[in-house]
Amino acid sequence: MNAMNREQPIPAPQALHDDIPTYDARVLISNGAQAKIVLDGQVYTLRITRAGKLILTK
């Protein structure tokens, strides 16, 4: 089962001092190395590299 088929809600964002929503990437990706993110019908892949960096690709 891939990340798009899971029916787990995304955790609520944590508000920082400037009120910009903040999400933990490892929670978004949950138990893997990548997640799909959809914006206006376009699918993007968010990936955590072995070095612990984030890459967002279309």
N, C-alpha and C. Protein backbone atom coordinates (compact mmCIF):
# COMPACT_ATOMS: atom_id res chain seq x y z
N MET A 1 0.85 -1.18 0.00
CA MET A 1 0.00 0.00 0.00
C MET A 1 0.89 1.24 0.00
N ASN A 2 0.67 2.17 -0.93
CA ASN A 2 1.52 3.35 -0.97
C ASN A 2 0.95 4.48 -0.12
N ALA A 3 1.70 5.55 0.00
CA ALA A 3 1.34 6.66 0.89
C ALA A 3 0.04 7.34 0.46
N MET A 4 -0.27 7.34 -0.83
CA MET A 4 -1.47 8.02 -1.28
C MET A 4 -2.74 7.25 -0.91
N ASN A 5 -2.64 5.94 -0.70
CA ASN A 5 -3.82 5.14 -0.38
C ASN A 5 -4.10 5.05 1.11
N ARG A 6 -3.20 5.49 1.93
CA ARG A 6 -3.42 5.44 3.37
C ARG A 6 -4.47 6.46 3.74
N GLU A 7 -5.31 6.10 4.67
CA GLU A 7 -6.34 7.02 5.11
C GLU A 7 -6.03 7.56 6.49
N GLN A 8 -4.79 7.98 6.67
CA GLN A 8 -4.38 8.58 7.94
C GLN A 8 -4.38 10.09 7.77
N PRO A 9 -4.98 10.81 8.70
CA PRO A 9 -4.98 12.27 8.57
C PRO A 9 -3.58 12.83 8.78
N ILE A 10 -3.30 13.92 8.09
CA ILE A 10 -2.04 14.62 8.30
C ILE A 10 -2.15 15.37 9.61
N PRO A 11 -1.15 15.25 10.48
CA PRO A 11 -1.22 15.94 11.78
C PRO A 11 -1.36 17.45 11.61
N ALA A 12 -2.03 18.05 12.55
CA ALA A 12 -2.19 19.51 12.52
C ALA A 12 -0.84 20.18 12.62
N PRO A 13 -0.66 21.28 11.90
CA PRO A 13 0.62 21.98 11.96
C PRO A 13 0.84 22.62 13.32
N GLN A 14 2.08 22.82 13.64
CA GLN A 14 2.44 23.52 14.87
C GLN A 14 2.70 24.97 14.52
N ALA A 15 2.11 25.88 15.24
CA ALA A 15 2.34 27.30 14.98
C ALA A 15 3.63 27.74 15.66
N LEU A 16 4.46 28.42 14.91
CA LEU A 16 5.68 29.00 15.47
C LEU A 16 5.41 30.45 15.83
N HIS A 17 6.43 31.15 16.22
CA HIS A 17 6.30 32.53 16.64
C HIS A 17 5.69 33.42 15.57
N ASP A 18 5.98 33.12 14.29
CA ASP A 18 5.46 33.96 13.21
C ASP A 18 4.18 33.40 12.60
N ASP A 19 3.57 32.41 13.22
CA ASP A 19 2.29 31.82 12.81
C ASP A 19 2.32 31.14 11.44
N ILE A 20 3.49 30.75 10.95
CA ILE A 20 3.58 29.97 9.72
C ILE A 20 3.46 28.50 10.11
N PRO A 21 2.54 27.75 9.48
CA PRO A 21 2.40 26.33 9.82
C PRO A 21 3.72 25.59 9.61
N THR A 22 4.06 24.71 10.54
CA THR A 22 5.30 23.94 10.47
C THR A 22 4.96 22.46 10.59
N TYR A 23 5.47 21.66 9.65
CA TYR A 23 5.21 20.23 9.64
C TYR A 23 6.52 19.48 9.79
N ASP A 24 6.51 18.38 10.51
CA ASP A 24 7.67 17.52 10.62
C ASP A 24 7.69 16.63 9.38
N ALA A 25 8.73 16.72 8.57
CA ALA A 25 8.82 15.96 7.31
C ALA A 25 8.74 14.46 7.56
N ARG A 26 9.32 14.00 8.64
CA ARG A 26 9.27 12.56 8.91
C ARG A 26 7.85 12.09 9.24
N VAL A 27 7.04 12.96 9.80
CA VAL A 27 5.64 12.62 10.06
C VAL A 27 4.87 12.60 8.74
N LEU A 28 5.12 13.57 7.87
CA LEU A 28 4.45 13.59 6.57
C LEU A 28 4.81 12.35 5.75
N ILE A 29 6.07 11.97 5.80
CA ILE A 29 6.53 10.82 5.02
C ILE A 29 6.16 9.51 5.71
N SER A 30 6.09 9.48 6.99
CA SER A 30 5.71 8.35 7.83
C SER A 30 6.14 6.98 7.34
N ASN A 31 7.12 6.46 8.00
CA ASN A 31 7.59 5.08 7.78
C ASN A 31 8.15 4.82 6.39
N GLY A 32 8.78 5.77 5.80
CA GLY A 32 9.37 5.56 4.48
C GLY A 32 10.37 6.64 4.17
N ALA A 33 10.71 6.75 2.90
CA ALA A 33 11.68 7.74 2.48
C ALA A 33 11.06 8.77 1.56
N GLN A 34 9.80 8.58 1.15
CA GLN A 34 9.19 9.56 0.27
C GLN A 34 7.67 9.61 0.44
N ALA A 35 7.10 10.74 0.00
CA ALA A 35 5.66 10.94 0.05
C ALA A 35 5.25 11.72 -1.18
N LYS A 36 4.01 11.57 -1.58
CA LYS A 36 3.45 12.32 -2.69
C LYS A 36 2.67 13.50 -2.14
N ILE A 37 2.84 14.66 -2.79
CA ILE A 37 2.13 15.88 -2.41
C ILE A 37 1.44 16.39 -3.67
N VAL A 38 0.16 16.73 -3.56
CA VAL A 38 -0.59 17.20 -4.72
C VAL A 38 -0.91 18.68 -4.56
N LEU A 39 -0.65 19.43 -5.62
CA LEU A 39 -0.97 20.86 -5.65
C LEU A 39 -1.62 21.16 -7.00
N ASP A 40 -2.88 21.59 -6.96
CA ASP A 40 -3.61 21.93 -8.18
C ASP A 40 -3.54 20.83 -9.23
N GLY A 41 -3.68 19.59 -8.79
CA GLY A 41 -3.69 18.46 -9.71
C GLY A 41 -2.32 17.97 -10.13
N GLN A 42 -1.26 18.65 -9.74
CA GLN A 42 0.11 18.24 -10.06
C GLN A 42 0.66 17.45 -8.88
N VAL A 43 1.30 16.32 -9.17
CA VAL A 43 1.84 15.46 -8.12
C VAL A 43 3.34 15.70 -7.99
N TYR A 44 3.77 15.95 -6.77
CA TYR A 44 5.18 16.16 -6.45
C TYR A 44 5.62 15.05 -5.50
N THR A 45 6.92 14.76 -5.50
CA THR A 45 7.48 13.77 -4.59
C THR A 45 8.40 14.47 -3.60
N LEU A 46 8.14 14.27 -2.33
CA LEU A 46 9.00 14.76 -1.27
C LEU A 46 9.83 13.58 -0.79
N ARG A 47 11.15 13.73 -0.81
CA ARG A 47 12.03 12.61 -0.48
C ARG A 47 13.07 13.04 0.53
N ILE A 48 13.37 12.16 1.48
CA ILE A 48 14.46 12.37 2.43
C ILE A 48 15.65 11.57 1.91
N THR A 49 16.77 12.24 1.71
CA THR A 49 17.97 11.57 1.22
C THR A 49 18.67 10.83 2.35
N ARG A 50 19.64 10.02 1.99
CA ARG A 50 20.44 9.32 3.01
C ARG A 50 21.17 10.29 3.92
N ALA A 51 21.48 11.46 3.39
CA ALA A 51 22.19 12.48 4.18
C ALA A 51 21.24 13.30 5.04
N GLY A 52 19.93 12.98 4.98
CA GLY A 52 18.96 13.69 5.81
C GLY A 52 18.49 15.01 5.22
N LYS A 53 18.66 15.20 3.92
CA LYS A 53 18.20 16.41 3.24
C LYS A 53 16.85 16.13 2.59
N LEU A 54 16.10 17.20 2.33
CA LEU A 54 14.80 17.07 1.67
C LEU A 54 14.93 17.48 0.21
N ILE A 55 14.28 16.69 -0.67
CA ILE A 55 14.22 17.03 -2.08
C ILE A 55 12.75 16.96 -2.51
N LEU A 56 12.28 18.01 -3.17
CA LEU A 56 10.93 18.06 -3.71
C LEU A 56 11.04 18.11 -5.22
N THR A 57 10.46 17.10 -5.91
CA THR A 57 10.53 17.04 -7.36
C THR A 57 9.13 16.86 -7.94
N LYS A 58 9.01 17.26 -9.18
CA LYS A 58 7.73 17.13 -9.89
C LYS A 58 7.72 15.85 -10.68
